[in-house]
Amino acid sequence: MRTVSLNIKKDNVNDFLQLLWVELSEKIGSISCQHFYLDTDDKEIYIYNVIWCVDQLSFITEFNFYNHTSKGLIRVDVCVKDKKNQTIDVESEKKSIIGYL
């Protein structure tokens, strides 16, 4: 996974995620996703795990947004995998996801 530092204040987290989803859906295609909340060793931080997919594309993207309960989003880990063989797809990652964060 590639890590991107974030500094999205708690009050702006939902707006940020909504804008990110709109941007990705307009540039890449309709989004289908599953999401989960994962605990960490730090009780103030939880992970918002999102598995994001577009039927027409050859890759799947997984986001792990680290949300600090008082600070907001502090980082995201992103991994783009080829759908067929589940290997990391660096070229799709560069072209499609990382540039928007």
PDB file of N, CA and C in Angstrom:
ATOM      1  N   MET A   1       0.843  -1.188   0.000  1.00  0.00           N
ATOM      2  CA  MET A   1       0.000   0.000   0.000  1.00  0.00           C
ATOM      3  C   MET A   1       0.882   1.243   0.000  1.00  0.00           C
ATOM      4  N   ARG A   2       0.418   2.250  -0.674  1.00  0.00           N
ATOM      5  CA  ARG A   2       1.102   3.534  -0.711  1.00  0.00           C
ATOM      6  C   ARG A   2       0.432   4.444   0.315  1.00  0.00           C
ATOM      7  N   THR A   3       1.230   5.121   1.131  1.00  0.00           N
ATOM      8  CA  THR A   3       0.701   5.996   2.173  1.00  0.00           C
ATOM      9  C   THR A   3       0.755   7.450   1.721  1.00  0.00           C
ATOM     10  N   VAL A   4      -0.360   8.157   1.935  1.00  0.00           N
ATOM     11  CA  VAL A   4      -0.457   9.581   1.642  1.00  0.00           C
ATOM     12  C   VAL A   4      -0.879  10.279   2.936  1.00  0.00           C
ATOM     13  N   SER A   5      -0.073  11.241   3.385  1.00  0.00           N
ATOM     14  CA  SER A   5      -0.430  12.005   4.582  1.00  0.00           C
ATOM     15  C   SER A   5      -1.592  12.930   4.272  1.00  0.00           C
ATOM     16  N   LEU A   6      -2.499  13.037   5.233  1.00  0.00           N
ATOM     17  CA  LEU A   6      -3.658  13.920   5.097  1.00  0.00           C
ATOM     18  C   LEU A   6      -3.764  14.807   6.331  1.00  0.00           C
ATOM     19  N   ASN A   7      -4.412  15.923   6.162  1.00  0.00           N
ATOM     20  CA  ASN A   7      -4.710  16.808   7.279  1.00  0.00           C
ATOM     21  C   ASN A   7      -6.120  17.365   7.063  1.00  0.00           C
ATOM     22  N   ILE A   8      -7.087  16.461   7.123  1.00  0.00           N
ATOM     23  CA  ILE A   8      -8.491  16.836   6.910  1.00  0.00           C
ATOM     24  C   ILE A   8      -9.152  16.944   8.286  1.00  0.00           C
ATOM     25  N   LYS A   9      -9.494  18.153   8.659  1.00  0.00           N
ATOM     26  CA  LYS A   9     -10.090  18.400   9.974  1.00  0.00           C
ATOM     27  C   LYS A   9     -11.374  17.595  10.158  1.00  0.00           C
ATOM     28  N   LYS A  10     -11.623  17.246  11.400  1.00  0.00           N
ATOM     29  CA  LYS A  10     -12.782  16.412  11.768  1.00  0.00           C
ATOM     30  C   LYS A  10     -14.082  16.920  11.134  1.00  0.00           C
ATOM     31  N   ASP A  11     -14.288  18.237  11.182  1.00  0.00           N
ATOM     32  CA  ASP A  11     -15.529  18.810  10.652  1.00  0.00           C
ATOM     33  C   ASP A  11     -15.631  18.719   9.127  1.00  0.00           C
ATOM     34  N   ASN A  12     -14.512  18.447   8.452  1.00  0.00           N
ATOM     35  CA  ASN A  12     -14.503  18.424   6.990  1.00  0.00           C
ATOM     36  C   ASN A  12     -14.390  17.023   6.387  1.00  0.00           C
ATOM     37  N   VAL A  13     -14.347  15.993   7.234  1.00  0.00           N
ATOM     38  CA  VAL A  13     -14.119  14.625   6.744  1.00  0.00           C
ATOM     39  C   VAL A  13     -15.203  14.196   5.764  1.00  0.00           C
ATOM     40  N   ASN A  14     -16.451  14.344   6.104  1.00  0.00           N
ATOM     41  CA  ASN A  14     -17.531  13.905   5.210  1.00  0.00           C
ATOM     42  C   ASN A  14     -17.521  14.673   3.896  1.00  0.00           C
ATOM     43  N   ASP A  15     -17.272  15.978   3.950  1.00  0.00           N
ATOM     44  CA  ASP A  15     -17.192  16.779   2.729  1.00  0.00           C
ATOM     45  C   ASP A  15     -16.036  16.318   1.852  1.00  0.00           C
ATOM     46  N   PHE A  16     -14.877  16.063   2.467  1.00  0.00           N
ATOM     47  CA  PHE A  16     -13.711  15.594   1.724  1.00  0.00           C
ATOM     48  C   PHE A  16     -14.014  14.271   1.019  1.00  0.00           C
ATOM     49  N   LEU A  17     -14.570  13.317   1.746  1.00  0.00           N
ATOM     50  CA  LEU A  17     -14.868  12.011   1.154  1.00  0.00           C
ATOM     51  C   LEU A  17     -15.901  12.135   0.038  1.00  0.00           C
ATOM     52  N   GLN A  18     -16.907  12.969   0.238  1.00  0.00           N
ATOM     53  CA  GLN A  18     -17.916  13.166  -0.797  1.00  0.00           C
ATOM     54  C   GLN A  18     -17.284  13.767  -2.053  1.00  0.00           C
ATOM     55  N   LEU A  19     -16.434  14.778  -1.886  1.00  0.00           N
ATOM     56  CA  LEU A  19     -15.774  15.388  -3.042  1.00  0.00           C
ATOM     57  C   LEU A  19     -14.848  14.403  -3.746  1.00  0.00           C
ATOM     58  N   LEU A  20     -14.138  13.603  -2.972  1.00  0.00           N
ATOM     59  CA  LEU A  20     -13.261  12.591  -3.558  1.00  0.00           C
ATOM     60  C   LEU A  20     -14.074  11.602  -4.387  1.00  0.00           C
ATOM     61  N   TRP A  21     -15.183  11.133  -3.859  1.00  0.00           N
ATOM     62  CA  TRP A  21     -16.013  10.163  -4.576  1.00  0.00           C
ATOM     63  C   TRP A  21     -16.597  10.774  -5.842  1.00  0.00           C
ATOM     64  N   VAL A  22     -17.041  12.019  -5.775  1.00  0.00           N
ATOM     65  CA  VAL A  22     -17.586  12.688  -6.956  1.00  0.00           C
ATOM     66  C   VAL A  22     -16.491  12.819  -8.015  1.00  0.00           C
ATOM     67  N   GLU A  23     -15.312  13.263  -7.601  1.00  0.00           N
ATOM     68  CA  GLU A  23     -14.198  13.430  -8.531  1.00  0.00           C
ATOM     69  C   GLU A  23     -13.829  12.103  -9.198  1.00  0.00           C
ATOM     70  N   LEU A  24     -13.694  11.057  -8.408  1.00  0.00           N
ATOM     71  CA  LEU A  24     -13.339   9.758  -8.961  1.00  0.00           C
ATOM     72  C   LEU A  24     -14.424   9.226  -9.887  1.00  0.00           C
ATOM     73  N   SER A  25     -15.691   9.389  -9.505  1.00  0.00           N
ATOM     74  CA  SER A  25     -16.767   8.868 -10.349  1.00  0.00           C
ATOM     75  C   SER A  25     -16.866   9.635 -11.661  1.00  0.00           C
ATOM     76  N   GLU A  26     -16.594  10.952 -11.635  1.00  0.00           N
ATOM     77  CA  GLU A  26     -16.643  11.741 -12.871  1.00  0.00           C
ATOM     78  C   GLU A  26     -15.467  11.430 -13.785  1.00  0.00           C
ATOM     79  N   LYS A  27     -14.297  11.222 -13.220  1.00  0.00           N
ATOM     80  CA  LYS A  27     -13.087  11.005 -14.021  1.00  0.00           C
ATOM     81  C   LYS A  27     -12.915   9.556 -14.452  1.00  0.00           C
ATOM     82  N   ILE A  28     -13.383   8.608 -13.644  1.00  0.00           N
ATOM     83  CA  ILE A  28     -13.091   7.204 -13.895  1.00  0.00           C
ATOM     84  C   ILE A  28     -14.351   6.404 -14.211  1.00  0.00           C
ATOM     85  N   GLY A  29     -15.410   6.610 -13.475  1.00  0.00           N
ATOM     86  CA  GLY A  29     -16.643   5.866 -13.723  1.00  0.00           C
ATOM     87  C   GLY A  29     -17.416   5.642 -12.443  1.00  0.00           C
ATOM     88  N   SER A  30     -18.602   5.110 -12.590  1.00  0.00           N
ATOM     89  CA  SER A  30     -19.461   4.853 -11.434  1.00  0.00           C
ATOM     90  C   SER A  30     -18.748   3.994 -10.409  1.00  0.00           C
ATOM     91  N   ILE A  31     -18.962   4.300  -9.159  1.00  0.00           N
ATOM     92  CA  ILE A  31     -18.260   3.628  -8.074  1.00  0.00           C
ATOM     93  C   ILE A  31     -19.160   2.586  -7.431  1.00  0.00           C
ATOM     94  N   SER A  32     -18.581   1.428  -7.216  1.00  0.00           N
ATOM     95  CA  SER A  32     -19.204   0.409  -6.386  1.00  0.00           C
ATOM     96  C   SER A  32     -18.232   0.173  -5.246  1.00  0.00           C
ATOM     97  N   CYS A  33     -18.702   0.214  -4.022  1.00  0.00           N
ATOM     98  CA  CYS A  33     -17.736   0.039  -2.930  1.00  0.00           C
ATOM     99  C   CYS A  33     -18.369  -0.673  -1.747  1.00  0.00           C
ATOM    100  N   GLN A  34     -17.475  -1.276  -0.964  1.00  0.00           N
ATOM    101  CA  GLN A  34     -17.827  -1.843   0.337  1.00  0.00           C
ATOM    102  C   GLN A  34     -16.966  -1.109   1.346  1.00  0.00           C
ATOM    103  N   HIS A  35     -17.508  -0.890   2.526  1.00  0.00           N
ATOM    104  CA  HIS A  35     -16.684  -0.227   3.531  1.00  0.00           C
ATOM    105  C   HIS A  35     -16.870  -0.888   4.895  1.00  0.00           C
ATOM    106  N   PHE A  36     -15.821  -0.784   5.699  1.00  0.00           N
ATOM    107  CA  PHE A  36     -15.786  -1.370   7.034  1.00  0.00           C
ATOM    108  C   PHE A  36     -15.056  -0.403   7.954  1.00  0.00           C
ATOM    109  N   TYR A  37     -15.324  -0.490   9.233  1.00  0.00           N
ATOM    110  CA  TYR A  37     -14.584   0.260  10.238  1.00  0.00           C
ATOM    111  C   TYR A  37     -13.713  -0.728  10.994  1.00  0.00           C
ATOM    112  N   LEU A  38     -12.413  -0.457  11.046  1.00  0.00           N
ATOM    113  CA  LEU A  38     -11.463  -1.350  11.689  1.00  0.00           C
ATOM    114  C   LEU A  38     -10.818  -0.655  12.881  1.00  0.00           C
ATOM    115  N   ASP A  39     -10.645  -1.376  13.967  1.00  0.00           N
ATOM    116  CA  ASP A  39     -10.000  -0.834  15.156  1.00  0.00           C
ATOM    117  C   ASP A  39      -8.482  -0.837  14.990  1.00  0.00           C
ATOM    118  N   THR A  40      -7.814   0.032  15.749  1.00  0.00           N
ATOM    119  CA  THR A  40      -6.358   0.069  15.807  1.00  0.00           C
ATOM    120  C   THR A  40      -5.943  -0.056  17.264  1.00  0.00           C
ATOM    121  N   ASP A  41      -4.644  -0.094  17.528  1.00  0.00           N
ATOM    122  CA  ASP A  41      -4.146  -0.142  18.903  1.00  0.00           C
ATOM    123  C   ASP A  41      -4.382   1.168  19.643  1.00  0.00           C
ATOM    124  N   ASP A  42      -4.550   2.253  18.899  1.00  0.00           N
ATOM    125  CA  ASP A  42      -4.807   3.575  19.477  1.00  0.00           C
ATOM    126  C   ASP A  42      -6.318   3.786  19.518  1.00  0.00           C
ATOM    127  N   LYS A  43      -6.878   3.927  20.698  1.00  0.00           N
ATOM    128  CA  LYS A  43      -8.338   4.050  20.843  1.00  0.00           C
ATOM    129  C   LYS A  43      -8.899   5.325  20.203  1.00  0.00           C
ATOM    130  N   GLU A  44      -8.027   6.298  19.893  1.00  0.00           N
ATOM    131  CA  GLU A  44      -8.481   7.529  19.249  1.00  0.00           C
ATOM    132  C   GLU A  44      -8.463   7.445  17.726  1.00  0.00           C
ATOM    133  N   ILE A  45      -7.924   6.358  17.193  1.00  0.00           N
ATOM    134  CA  ILE A  45      -7.816   6.217  15.742  1.00  0.00           C
ATOM    135  C   ILE A  45      -8.536   4.942  15.299  1.00  0.00           C
ATOM    136  N   TYR A  46      -9.356   5.079  14.272  1.00  0.00           N
ATOM    137  CA  TYR A  46      -9.931   3.901  13.643  1.00  0.00           C
ATOM    138  C   TYR A  46      -9.689   4.010  12.143  1.00  0.00           C
ATOM    139  N   ILE A  47      -9.790   2.888  11.470  1.00  0.00           N
ATOM    140  CA  ILE A  47      -9.558   2.844  10.033  1.00  0.00           C
ATOM    141  C   ILE A  47     -10.896   2.682   9.332  1.00  0.00           C
ATOM    142  N   TYR A  48     -11.125   3.549   8.369  1.00  0.00           N
ATOM    143  CA  TYR A  48     -12.280   3.451   7.493  1.00  0.00           C
ATOM    144  C   TYR A  48     -11.774   2.771   6.224  1.00  0.00           C
ATOM    145  N   ASN A  49     -12.041   1.483   6.098  1.00  0.00           N
ATOM    146  CA  ASN A  49     -11.554   0.677   4.987  1.00  0.00           C
ATOM    147  C   ASN A  49     -12.596   0.674   3.870  1.00  0.00           C
ATOM    148  N   VAL A  50     -12.168   1.055   2.664  1.00  0.00           N
ATOM    149  CA  VAL A  50     -13.069   1.116   1.521  1.00  0.00           C
ATOM    150  C   VAL A  50     -12.472   0.305   0.377  1.00  0.00           C
ATOM    151  N   ILE A  51     -13.237  -0.604  -0.156  1.00  0.00           N
ATOM    152  CA  ILE A  51     -12.845  -1.348  -1.348  1.00  0.00           C
ATOM    153  C   ILE A  51     -13.690  -0.799  -2.483  1.00  0.00           C
ATOM    154  N   TRP A  52     -13.016  -0.215  -3.468  1.00  0.00           N
ATOM    155  CA  TRP A  52     -13.643   0.590  -4.512  1.00  0.00           C
ATOM    156  C   TRP A  52     -13.419  -0.075  -5.860  1.00  0.00           C
ATOM    157  N   CYS A  53     -14.468  -0.135  -6.671  1.00  0.00           N
ATOM    158  CA  CYS A  53     -14.372  -0.882  -7.927  1.00  0.00           C
ATOM    159  C   CYS A  53     -15.290  -0.264  -8.981  1.00  0.00           C
ATOM    160  N   VAL A  54     -14.826  -0.313 -10.225  1.00  0.00           N
ATOM    161  CA  VAL A  54     -15.626   0.083 -11.370  1.00  0.00           C
ATOM    162  C   VAL A  54     -15.641  -1.108 -12.324  1.00  0.00           C
ATOM    163  N   ASP A  55     -16.819  -1.574 -12.715  1.00  0.00           N
ATOM    164  CA  ASP A  55     -16.930  -2.773 -13.544  1.00  0.00           C
ATOM    165  C   ASP A  55     -16.106  -2.695 -14.828  1.00  0.00           C
ATOM    166  N   GLN A  56     -16.050  -1.521 -15.450  1.00  0.00           N
ATOM    167  CA  GLN A  56     -15.404  -1.387 -16.750  1.00  0.00           C
ATOM    168  C   GLN A  56     -13.877  -1.358 -16.660  1.00  0.00           C
ATOM    169  N   LEU A  57     -13.324  -1.231 -15.474  1.00  0.00           N
ATOM    170  CA  LEU A  57     -11.877  -1.117 -15.335  1.00  0.00           C
ATOM    171  C   LEU A  57     -11.248  -2.426 -14.899  1.00  0.00           C
ATOM    172  N   SER A  58      -9.968  -2.521 -15.114  1.00  0.00           N
ATOM    173  CA  SER A  58      -9.245  -3.767 -14.839  1.00  0.00           C
ATOM    174  C   SER A  58      -8.674  -3.829 -13.429  1.00  0.00           C
ATOM    175  N   PHE A  59      -8.964  -2.833 -12.597  1.00  0.00           N
ATOM    176  CA  PHE A  59      -8.368  -2.805 -11.268  1.00  0.00           C
ATOM    177  C   PHE A  59      -9.390  -2.551 -10.171  1.00  0.00           C
ATOM    178  N   ILE A  60      -8.984  -2.873  -8.962  1.00  0.00           N
ATOM    179  CA  ILE A  60      -9.748  -2.625  -7.736  1.00  0.00           C
ATOM    180  C   ILE A  60      -8.855  -1.795  -6.829  1.00  0.00           C
ATOM    181  N   THR A  61      -9.433  -0.849  -6.134  1.00  0.00           N
ATOM    182  CA  THR A  61      -8.655  -0.007  -5.234  1.00  0.00           C
ATOM    183  C   THR A  61      -9.131  -0.204  -3.807  1.00  0.00           C
ATOM    184  N   GLU A  62      -8.185  -0.305  -2.903  1.00  0.00           N
ATOM    185  CA  GLU A  62      -8.505  -0.384  -1.483  1.00  0.00           C
ATOM    186  C   GLU A  62      -7.907   0.832  -0.780  1.00  0.00           C
ATOM    187  N   PHE A  63      -8.742   1.524  -0.017  1.00  0.00           N
ATOM    188  CA  PHE A  63      -8.322   2.675   0.780  1.00  0.00           C
ATOM    189  C   PHE A  63      -8.413   2.302   2.258  1.00  0.00           C
ATOM    190  N   ASN A  64      -7.430   2.685   3.028  1.00  0.00           N
ATOM    191  CA  ASN A  64      -7.515   2.635   4.491  1.00  0.00           C
ATOM    192  C   ASN A  64      -7.335   4.061   4.996  1.00  0.00           C
ATOM    193  N   PHE A  65      -8.454   4.725   5.292  1.00  0.00           N
ATOM    194  CA  PHE A  65      -8.414   6.086   5.820  1.00  0.00           C
ATOM    195  C   PHE A  65      -8.253   6.014   7.337  1.00  0.00           C
ATOM    196  N   TYR A  66      -7.218   6.648   7.868  1.00  0.00           N
ATOM    197  CA  TYR A  66      -6.981   6.685   9.308  1.00  0.00           C
ATOM    198  C   TYR A  66      -7.658   7.934   9.856  1.00  0.00           C
ATOM    199  N   ASN A  67      -8.698   7.708  10.655  1.00  0.00           N
ATOM    200  CA  ASN A  67      -9.500   8.802  11.187  1.00  0.00           C
ATOM    201  C   ASN A  67      -9.232   8.928  12.686  1.00  0.00           C
ATOM    202  N   HIS A  68      -8.667  10.059  13.068  1.00  0.00           N
ATOM    203  CA  HIS A  68      -8.431  10.368  14.484  1.00  0.00           C
ATOM    204  C   HIS A  68      -9.702  11.020  15.012  1.00  0.00           C
ATOM    205  N   THR A  69     -10.204  10.554  16.133  1.00  0.00           N
ATOM    206  CA  THR A  69     -11.520  10.997  16.608  1.00  0.00           C
ATOM    207  C   THR A  69     -11.600  12.496  16.877  1.00  0.00           C
ATOM    208  N   SER A  70     -10.491  13.152  17.203  1.00  0.00           N
ATOM    209  CA  SER A  70     -10.545  14.599  17.440  1.00  0.00           C
ATOM    210  C   SER A  70      -9.878  15.415  16.338  1.00  0.00           C
ATOM    211  N   LYS A  71      -8.974  14.812  15.572  1.00  0.00           N
ATOM    212  CA  LYS A  71      -8.244  15.550  14.541  1.00  0.00           C
ATOM    213  C   LYS A  71      -8.834  15.404  13.146  1.00  0.00           C
ATOM    214  N   GLY A  72      -9.438  14.280  12.843  1.00  0.00           N
ATOM    215  CA  GLY A  72      -9.944  14.014  11.496  1.00  0.00           C
ATOM    216  C   GLY A  72      -9.049  13.028  10.764  1.00  0.00           C
ATOM    217  N   LEU A  73      -9.059  13.093   9.429  1.00  0.00           N
ATOM    218  CA  LEU A  73      -8.269  12.157   8.630  1.00  0.00           C
ATOM    219  C   LEU A  73      -6.798  12.561   8.662  1.00  0.00           C
ATOM    220  N   ILE A  74      -5.955  11.639   9.089  1.00  0.00           N
ATOM    221  CA  ILE A  74      -4.532  11.951   9.216  1.00  0.00           C
ATOM    222  C   ILE A  74      -3.688  11.262   8.140  1.00  0.00           C
ATOM    223  N   ARG A  75      -4.207  10.209   7.538  1.00  0.00           N
ATOM    224  CA  ARG A  75      -3.488   9.545   6.452  1.00  0.00           C
ATOM    225  C   ARG A  75      -4.416   8.575   5.754  1.00  0.00           C
ATOM    226  N   VAL A  76      -3.987   8.163   4.565  1.00  0.00           N
ATOM    227  CA  VAL A  76      -4.688   7.115   3.834  1.00  0.00           C
ATOM    228  C   VAL A  76      -3.645   6.202   3.212  1.00  0.00           C
ATOM    229  N   ASP A  77      -3.876   4.918   3.318  1.00  0.00           N
ATOM    230  CA  ASP A  77      -3.082   3.920   2.613  1.00  0.00           C
ATOM    231  C   ASP A  77      -3.914   3.481   1.419  1.00  0.00           C
ATOM    232  N   VAL A  78      -3.291   3.445   0.246  1.00  0.00           N
ATOM    233  CA  VAL A  78      -4.004   3.106  -0.986  1.00  0.00           C
ATOM    234  C   VAL A  78      -3.281   1.965  -1.683  1.00  0.00           C
ATOM    235  N   CYS A  79      -4.055   0.999  -2.146  1.00  0.00           N
ATOM    236  CA  CYS A  79      -3.492  -0.113  -2.902  1.00  0.00           C
ATOM    237  C   CYS A  79      -4.390  -0.364  -4.109  1.00  0.00           C
ATOM    238  N   VAL A  80      -3.786  -0.412  -5.289  1.00  0.00           N
ATOM    239  CA  VAL A  80      -4.519  -0.696  -6.515  1.00  0.00           C
ATOM    240  C   VAL A  80      -4.065  -2.058  -7.012  1.00  0.00           C
ATOM    241  N   LYS A  81      -5.031  -2.968  -7.183  1.00  0.00           N
ATOM    242  CA  LYS A  81      -4.706  -4.330  -7.613  1.00  0.00           C
ATOM    243  C   LYS A  81      -5.396  -4.664  -8.935  1.00  0.00           C
ATOM    244  N   ASP A  82      -4.696  -5.410  -9.744  1.00  0.00           N
ATOM    245  CA  ASP A  82      -5.264  -5.952 -10.966  1.00  0.00           C
ATOM    246  C   ASP A  82      -6.379  -6.932 -10.585  1.00  0.00           C
ATOM    247  N   LYS A  83      -7.534  -6.840 -11.215  1.00  0.00           N
ATOM    248  CA  LYS A  83      -8.669  -7.710 -10.865  1.00  0.00           C
ATOM    249  C   LYS A  83      -8.382  -9.189 -11.106  1.00  0.00           C
ATOM    250  N   LYS A  84      -7.698  -9.481 -12.196  1.00  0.00           N
ATOM    251  CA  LYS A  84      -7.508 -10.886 -12.571  1.00  0.00           C
ATOM    252  C   LYS A  84      -6.533 -11.609 -11.654  1.00  0.00           C
ATOM    253  N   ASN A  85      -5.360 -11.027 -11.447  1.00  0.00           N
ATOM    254  CA  ASN A  85      -4.338 -11.771 -10.700  1.00  0.00           C
ATOM    255  C   ASN A  85      -4.057 -11.212  -9.301  1.00  0.00           C
ATOM    256  N   GLN A  86      -4.775 -10.174  -8.909  1.00  0.00           N
ATOM    257  CA  GLN A  86      -4.664  -9.593  -7.560  1.00  0.00           C
ATOM    258  C   GLN A  86      -3.266  -9.062  -7.225  1.00  0.00           C
ATOM    259  N   THR A  87      -2.469  -8.739  -8.248  1.00  0.00           N
ATOM    260  CA  THR A  87      -1.162  -8.132  -8.006  1.00  0.00           C
ATOM    261  C   THR A  87      -1.296  -6.620  -8.018  1.00  0.00           C
ATOM    262  N   ILE A  88      -0.365  -5.955  -7.387  1.00  0.00           N
ATOM    263  CA  ILE A  88      -0.401  -4.497  -7.335  1.00  0.00           C
ATOM    264  C   ILE A  88      -0.212  -3.941  -8.740  1.00  0.00           C
ATOM    265  N   ASP A  89      -1.070  -3.010  -9.110  1.00  0.00           N
ATOM    266  CA  ASP A  89      -1.079  -2.406 -10.438  1.00  0.00           C
ATOM    267  C   ASP A  89      -0.587  -0.966 -10.319  1.00  0.00           C
ATOM    268  N   VAL A  90       0.724  -0.788 -10.371  1.00  0.00           N
ATOM    269  CA  VAL A  90       1.348   0.518 -10.140  1.00  0.00           C
ATOM    270  C   VAL A  90       0.920   1.536 -11.191  1.00  0.00           C
ATOM    271  N   GLU A  91       0.819   1.147 -12.440  1.00  0.00           N
ATOM    272  CA  GLU A  91       0.449   2.089 -13.491  1.00  0.00           C
ATOM    273  C   GLU A  91      -0.967   2.626 -13.300  1.00  0.00           C
ATOM    274  N   SER A  92      -1.907   1.761 -12.981  1.00  0.00           N
ATOM    275  CA  SER A  92      -3.282   2.220 -12.723  1.00  0.00           C
ATOM    276  C   SER A  92      -3.323   3.102 -11.485  1.00  0.00           C
ATOM    277  N   GLU A  93      -2.520   2.761 -10.490  1.00  0.00           N
ATOM    278  CA  GLU A  93      -2.447   3.559  -9.268  1.00  0.00           C
ATOM    279  C   GLU A  93      -2.003   4.975  -9.596  1.00  0.00           C
ATOM    280  N   LYS A  94      -0.970   5.111 -10.361  1.00  0.00           N
ATOM    281  CA  LYS A  94      -0.433   6.437 -10.717  1.00  0.00           C
ATOM    282  C   LYS A  94      -1.443   7.239 -11.515  1.00  0.00           C
ATOM    283  N   LYS A  95      -2.095   6.605 -12.476  1.00  0.00           N
ATOM    284  CA  LYS A  95      -2.994   7.298 -13.384  1.00  0.00           C
ATOM    285  C   LYS A  95      -4.323   7.675 -12.749  1.00  0.00           C
ATOM    286  N   SER A  96      -4.792   6.859 -11.829  1.00  0.00           N
ATOM    287  CA  SER A  96      -6.196   6.994 -11.451  1.00  0.00           C
ATOM    288  C   SER A  96      -6.486   7.465 -10.044  1.00  0.00           C
ATOM    289  N   ILE A  97      -5.646   7.154  -9.083  1.00  0.00           N
ATOM    290  CA  ILE A  97      -6.053   7.379  -7.713  1.00  0.00           C
ATOM    291  C   ILE A  97      -5.173   8.393  -6.984  1.00  0.00           C
ATOM    292  N   ILE A  98      -3.901   8.143  -6.932  1.00  0.00           N
ATOM    293  CA  ILE A  98      -2.998   8.937  -6.104  1.00  0.00           C
ATOM    294  C   ILE A  98      -3.045  10.414  -6.466  1.00  0.00           C
ATOM    295  N   GLY A  99      -3.198  10.721  -7.720  1.00  0.00           N
ATOM    296  CA  GLY A  99      -3.227  12.114  -8.145  1.00  0.00           C
ATOM    297  C   GLY A  99      -4.380  12.922  -7.571  1.00  0.00           C
ATOM    298  N   TYR A 100      -5.422  12.266  -7.103  1.00  0.00           N
ATOM    299  CA  TYR A 100      -6.581  12.970  -6.571  1.00  0.00           C
ATOM    300  C   TYR A 100      -6.462  13.260  -5.072  1.00  0.00           C
ATOM    301  N   LEU A 101      -5.516  12.637  -4.409  1.00  0.00           N
ATOM    302  CA  LEU A 101      -5.404  12.805  -2.953  1.00  0.00           C
ATOM    303  C   LEU A 101      -4.492  13.957  -2.590  1.00  0.00           C
TER     304      LEU A 101
END
